[in-house]
Amino acid sequence: MGTGPVKGFAITLSVGIVTSMFTAIMVTRALVNLTYGGRTLNKLSI
């Protein structure tokens, strides 16, 4: 389904989305650990 350039674009787009999601999760986790890492939380307010 699709020609060579279309398949190449789809693969590149998929890799970009996965990389972006992984980076966003890791950076967010690092910032949360930096902010709340040393503290003990008694209550988690949402």
PDB file of N, CA and C in Angstrom:
ATOM      1  N   MET A   1       0.849  -1.172   0.000  1.00  0.00           N
ATOM      2  CA  MET A   1       0.000   0.000   0.000  1.00  0.00           C
ATOM      3  C   MET A   1       0.900   1.242   0.000  1.00  0.00           C
ATOM      4  N   GLY A   2       0.875   2.009  -1.047  1.00  0.00           N
ATOM      5  CA  GLY A   2       1.710   3.194  -1.144  1.00  0.00           C
ATOM      6  C   GLY A   2       3.003   2.890  -1.883  1.00  0.00           C
ATOM      7  N   THR A   3       3.638   3.935  -2.377  1.00  0.00           N
ATOM      8  CA  THR A   3       4.894   3.765  -3.102  1.00  0.00           C
ATOM      9  C   THR A   3       6.069   3.978  -2.162  1.00  0.00           C
ATOM     10  N   GLY A   4       7.279   3.879  -2.678  1.00  0.00           N
ATOM     11  CA  GLY A   4       8.495   3.992  -1.880  1.00  0.00           C
ATOM     12  C   GLY A   4       8.602   5.276  -1.078  1.00  0.00           C
ATOM     13  N   PRO A   5       8.443   6.451  -1.702  1.00  0.00           N
ATOM     14  CA  PRO A   5       8.550   7.690  -0.931  1.00  0.00           C
ATOM     15  C   PRO A   5       7.482   7.824   0.155  1.00  0.00           C
ATOM     16  N   VAL A   6       6.275   7.323  -0.124  1.00  0.00           N
ATOM     17  CA  VAL A   6       5.203   7.398   0.873  1.00  0.00           C
ATOM     18  C   VAL A   6       5.543   6.509   2.064  1.00  0.00           C
ATOM     19  N   LYS A   7       6.055   5.312   1.804  1.00  0.00           N
ATOM     20  CA  LYS A   7       6.449   4.410   2.889  1.00  0.00           C
ATOM     21  C   LYS A   7       7.606   5.002   3.690  1.00  0.00           C
ATOM     22  N   GLY A   8       8.570   5.603   2.998  1.00  0.00           N
ATOM     23  CA  GLY A   8       9.690   6.226   3.696  1.00  0.00           C
ATOM     24  C   GLY A   8       9.239   7.361   4.586  1.00  0.00           C
ATOM     25  N   PHE A   9       8.300   8.170   4.086  1.00  0.00           N
ATOM     26  CA  PHE A   9       7.765   9.267   4.890  1.00  0.00           C
ATOM     27  C   PHE A   9       7.014   8.738   6.095  1.00  0.00           C
ATOM     28  N   ALA A  10       6.246   7.676   5.921  1.00  0.00           N
ATOM     29  CA  ALA A  10       5.482   7.100   7.028  1.00  0.00           C
ATOM     30  C   ALA A  10       6.418   6.563   8.107  1.00  0.00           C
ATOM     31  N   ILE A  11       7.483   5.910   7.698  1.00  0.00           N
ATOM     32  CA  ILE A  11       8.444   5.376   8.677  1.00  0.00           C
ATOM     33  C   ILE A  11       9.141   6.510   9.409  1.00  0.00           C
ATOM     34  N   THR A  12       9.549   7.537   8.677  1.00  0.00           N
ATOM     35  CA  THR A  12      10.207   8.685   9.296  1.00  0.00           C
ATOM     36  C   THR A  12       9.273   9.392  10.264  1.00  0.00           C
ATOM     37  N   LEU A  13       8.024   9.566   9.867  1.00  0.00           N
ATOM     38  CA  LEU A  13       7.040  10.212  10.742  1.00  0.00           C
ATOM     39  C   LEU A  13       6.803   9.381  12.000  1.00  0.00           C
ATOM     40  N   SER A  14       6.706   8.065  11.850  1.00  0.00           N
ATOM     41  CA  SER A  14       6.486   7.185  13.005  1.00  0.00           C
ATOM     42  C   SER A  14       7.655   7.247  13.980  1.00  0.00           C
ATOM     43  N   VAL A  15       8.876   7.204  13.464  1.00  0.00           N
ATOM     44  CA  VAL A  15      10.059   7.281  14.320  1.00  0.00           C
ATOM     45  C   VAL A  15      10.099   8.629  15.033  1.00  0.00           C
ATOM     46  N   GLY A  16       9.742   9.692  14.348  1.00  0.00           N
ATOM     47  CA  GLY A  16       9.716  11.017  14.957  1.00  0.00           C
ATOM     48  C   GLY A  16       8.702  11.122  16.076  1.00  0.00           C
ATOM     49  N   ILE A  17       7.531  10.560  15.877  1.00  0.00           N
ATOM     50  CA  ILE A  17       6.490  10.599  16.909  1.00  0.00           C
ATOM     51  C   ILE A  17       6.918   9.807  18.140  1.00  0.00           C
ATOM     52  N   VAL A  18       7.462   8.615  17.931  1.00  0.00           N
ATOM     53  CA  VAL A  18       7.905   7.783  19.058  1.00  0.00           C
ATOM     54  C   VAL A  18       9.040   8.472  19.814  1.00  0.00           C
ATOM     55  N   THR A  19       9.987   9.045  19.095  1.00  0.00           N
ATOM     56  CA  THR A  19      11.106   9.738  19.737  1.00  0.00           C
ATOM     57  C   THR A  19      10.624  10.947  20.517  1.00  0.00           C
ATOM     58  N   SER A  20       9.704  11.697  19.950  1.00  0.00           N
ATOM     59  CA  SER A  20       9.159  12.873  20.624  1.00  0.00           C
ATOM     60  C   SER A  20       8.426  12.483  21.903  1.00  0.00           C
ATOM     61  N   MET A  21       7.641  11.421  21.853  1.00  0.00           N
ATOM     62  CA  MET A  21       6.899  10.968  23.025  1.00  0.00           C
ATOM     63  C   MET A  21       7.852  10.488  24.114  1.00  0.00           C
ATOM     64  N   PHE A  22       8.872   9.724  23.736  1.00  0.00           N
ATOM     65  CA  PHE A  22       9.851   9.235  24.702  1.00  0.00           C
ATOM     66  C   PHE A  22      10.581  10.402  25.370  1.00  0.00           C
ATOM     67  N   THR A  23      10.996  11.379  24.569  1.00  0.00           N
ATOM     68  CA  THR A  23      11.707  12.535  25.106  1.00  0.00           C
ATOM     69  C   THR A  23      10.808  13.337  26.039  1.00  0.00           C
ATOM     70  N   ALA A  24       9.561  13.548  25.662  1.00  0.00           N
ATOM     71  CA  ALA A  24       8.636  14.309  26.499  1.00  0.00           C
ATOM     72  C   ALA A  24       8.426  13.628  27.843  1.00  0.00           C
ATOM     73  N   ILE A  25       8.275  12.312  27.837  1.00  0.00           N
ATOM     74  CA  ILE A  25       8.060  11.582  29.091  1.00  0.00           C
ATOM     75  C   ILE A  25       9.305  11.654  29.973  1.00  0.00           C
ATOM     76  N   MET A  26      10.481  11.456  29.386  1.00  0.00           N
ATOM     77  CA  MET A  26      11.710  11.456  30.171  1.00  0.00           C
ATOM     78  C   MET A  26      12.016  12.843  30.740  1.00  0.00           C
ATOM     79  N   VAL A  27      11.815  13.899  29.977  1.00  0.00           N
ATOM     80  CA  VAL A  27      12.082  15.258  30.460  1.00  0.00           C
ATOM     81  C   VAL A  27      11.092  15.626  31.554  1.00  0.00           C
ATOM     82  N   THR A  28       9.821  15.284  31.369  1.00  0.00           N
ATOM     83  CA  THR A  28       8.812  15.575  32.390  1.00  0.00           C
ATOM     84  C   THR A  28       9.119  14.825  33.678  1.00  0.00           C
ATOM     85  N   ARG A  29       9.517  13.571  33.548  1.00  0.00           N
ATOM     86  CA  ARG A  29       9.847  12.782  34.735  1.00  0.00           C
ATOM     87  C   ARG A  29      11.065  13.366  35.459  1.00  0.00           C
ATOM     88  N   ALA A  30      12.058  13.809  34.692  1.00  0.00           N
ATOM     89  CA  ALA A  30      13.247  14.406  35.300  1.00  0.00           C
ATOM     90  C   ALA A  30      12.897  15.695  36.037  1.00  0.00           C
ATOM     91  N   LEU A  31      12.040  16.516  35.455  1.00  0.00           N
ATOM     92  CA  LEU A  31      11.638  17.762  36.117  1.00  0.00           C
ATOM     93  C   LEU A  31      10.840  17.491  37.386  1.00  0.00           C
ATOM     94  N   VAL A  32       9.963  16.505  37.352  1.00  0.00           N
ATOM     95  CA  VAL A  32       9.183  16.162  38.550  1.00  0.00           C
ATOM     96  C   VAL A  32      10.104  15.618  39.629  1.00  0.00           C
ATOM     97  N   ASN A  33      11.053  14.772  39.262  1.00  0.00           N
ATOM     98  CA  ASN A  33      12.000  14.246  40.244  1.00  0.00           C
ATOM     99  C   ASN A  33      12.881  15.352  40.809  1.00  0.00           C
ATOM    100  N   LEU A  34      13.240  16.305  39.984  1.00  0.00           N
ATOM    101  CA  LEU A  34      14.046  17.423  40.443  1.00  0.00           C
ATOM    102  C   LEU A  34      13.269  18.281  41.435  1.00  0.00           C
ATOM    103  N   THR A  35      11.987  18.468  41.175  1.00  0.00           N
ATOM    104  CA  THR A  35      11.158  19.307  42.030  1.00  0.00           C
ATOM    105  C   THR A  35      10.747  18.586  43.313  1.00  0.00           C
ATOM    106  N   TYR A  36      10.264  17.364  43.199  1.00  0.00           N
ATOM    107  CA  TYR A  36       9.708  16.645  44.349  1.00  0.00           C
ATOM    108  C   TYR A  36      10.565  15.472  44.800  1.00  0.00           C
ATOM    109  N   GLY A  37      11.772  15.326  44.305  1.00  0.00           N
ATOM    110  CA  GLY A  37      12.587  14.156  44.573  1.00  0.00           C
ATOM    111  C   GLY A  37      12.988  13.970  46.020  1.00  0.00           C
ATOM    112  N   GLY A  38      13.359  15.031  46.708  1.00  0.00           N
ATOM    113  CA  GLY A  38      13.857  14.904  48.068  1.00  0.00           C
ATOM    114  C   GLY A  38      12.776  14.952  49.144  1.00  0.00           C
ATOM    115  N   ARG A  39      11.575  15.296  48.751  1.00  0.00           N
ATOM    116  CA  ARG A  39      10.497  15.458  49.731  1.00  0.00           C
ATOM    117  C   ARG A  39       9.651  14.197  49.849  1.00  0.00           C
ATOM    118  N   THR A  40       9.078  14.017  51.020  1.00  0.00           N
ATOM    119  CA  THR A  40       8.087  12.959  51.176  1.00  0.00           C
ATOM    120  C   THR A  40       6.724  13.631  51.108  1.00  0.00           C
ATOM    121  N   LEU A  41       5.860  13.086  50.295  1.00  0.00           N
ATOM    122  CA  LEU A  41       4.547  13.656  50.118  1.00  0.00           C
ATOM    123  C   LEU A  41       3.553  12.953  51.034  1.00  0.00           C
ATOM    124  N   ASN A  42       2.886  13.718  51.870  1.00  0.00           N
ATOM    125  CA  ASN A  42       1.848  13.151  52.728  1.00  0.00           C
ATOM    126  C   ASN A  42       0.537  13.055  51.996  1.00  0.00           C
ATOM    127  N   LYS A  43       0.266  14.043  51.153  1.00  0.00           N
ATOM    128  CA  LYS A  43      -0.988  14.059  50.412  1.00  0.00           C
ATOM    129  C   LYS A  43      -0.704  14.552  49.009  1.00  0.00           C
ATOM    130  N   LEU A  44      -1.227  13.868  48.033  1.00  0.00           N
ATOM    131  CA  LEU A  44      -1.040  14.265  46.644  1.00  0.00           C
ATOM    132  C   LEU A  44      -2.302  15.002  46.198  1.00  0.00           C
ATOM    133  N   SER A  45      -2.185  16.317  46.055  1.00  0.00           N
ATOM    134  CA  SER A  45      -3.341  17.090  45.623  1.00  0.00           C
ATOM    135  C   SER A  45      -3.345  17.194  44.111  1.00  0.00           C
ATOM    136  N   ILE A  46      -4.507  16.982  43.544  1.00  0.00           N
ATOM    137  CA  ILE A  46      -4.638  17.010  42.089  1.00  0.00           C
ATOM    138  C   ILE A  46      -5.423  18.240  41.699  1.00  0.00           C
TER     139      ILE A  46
END
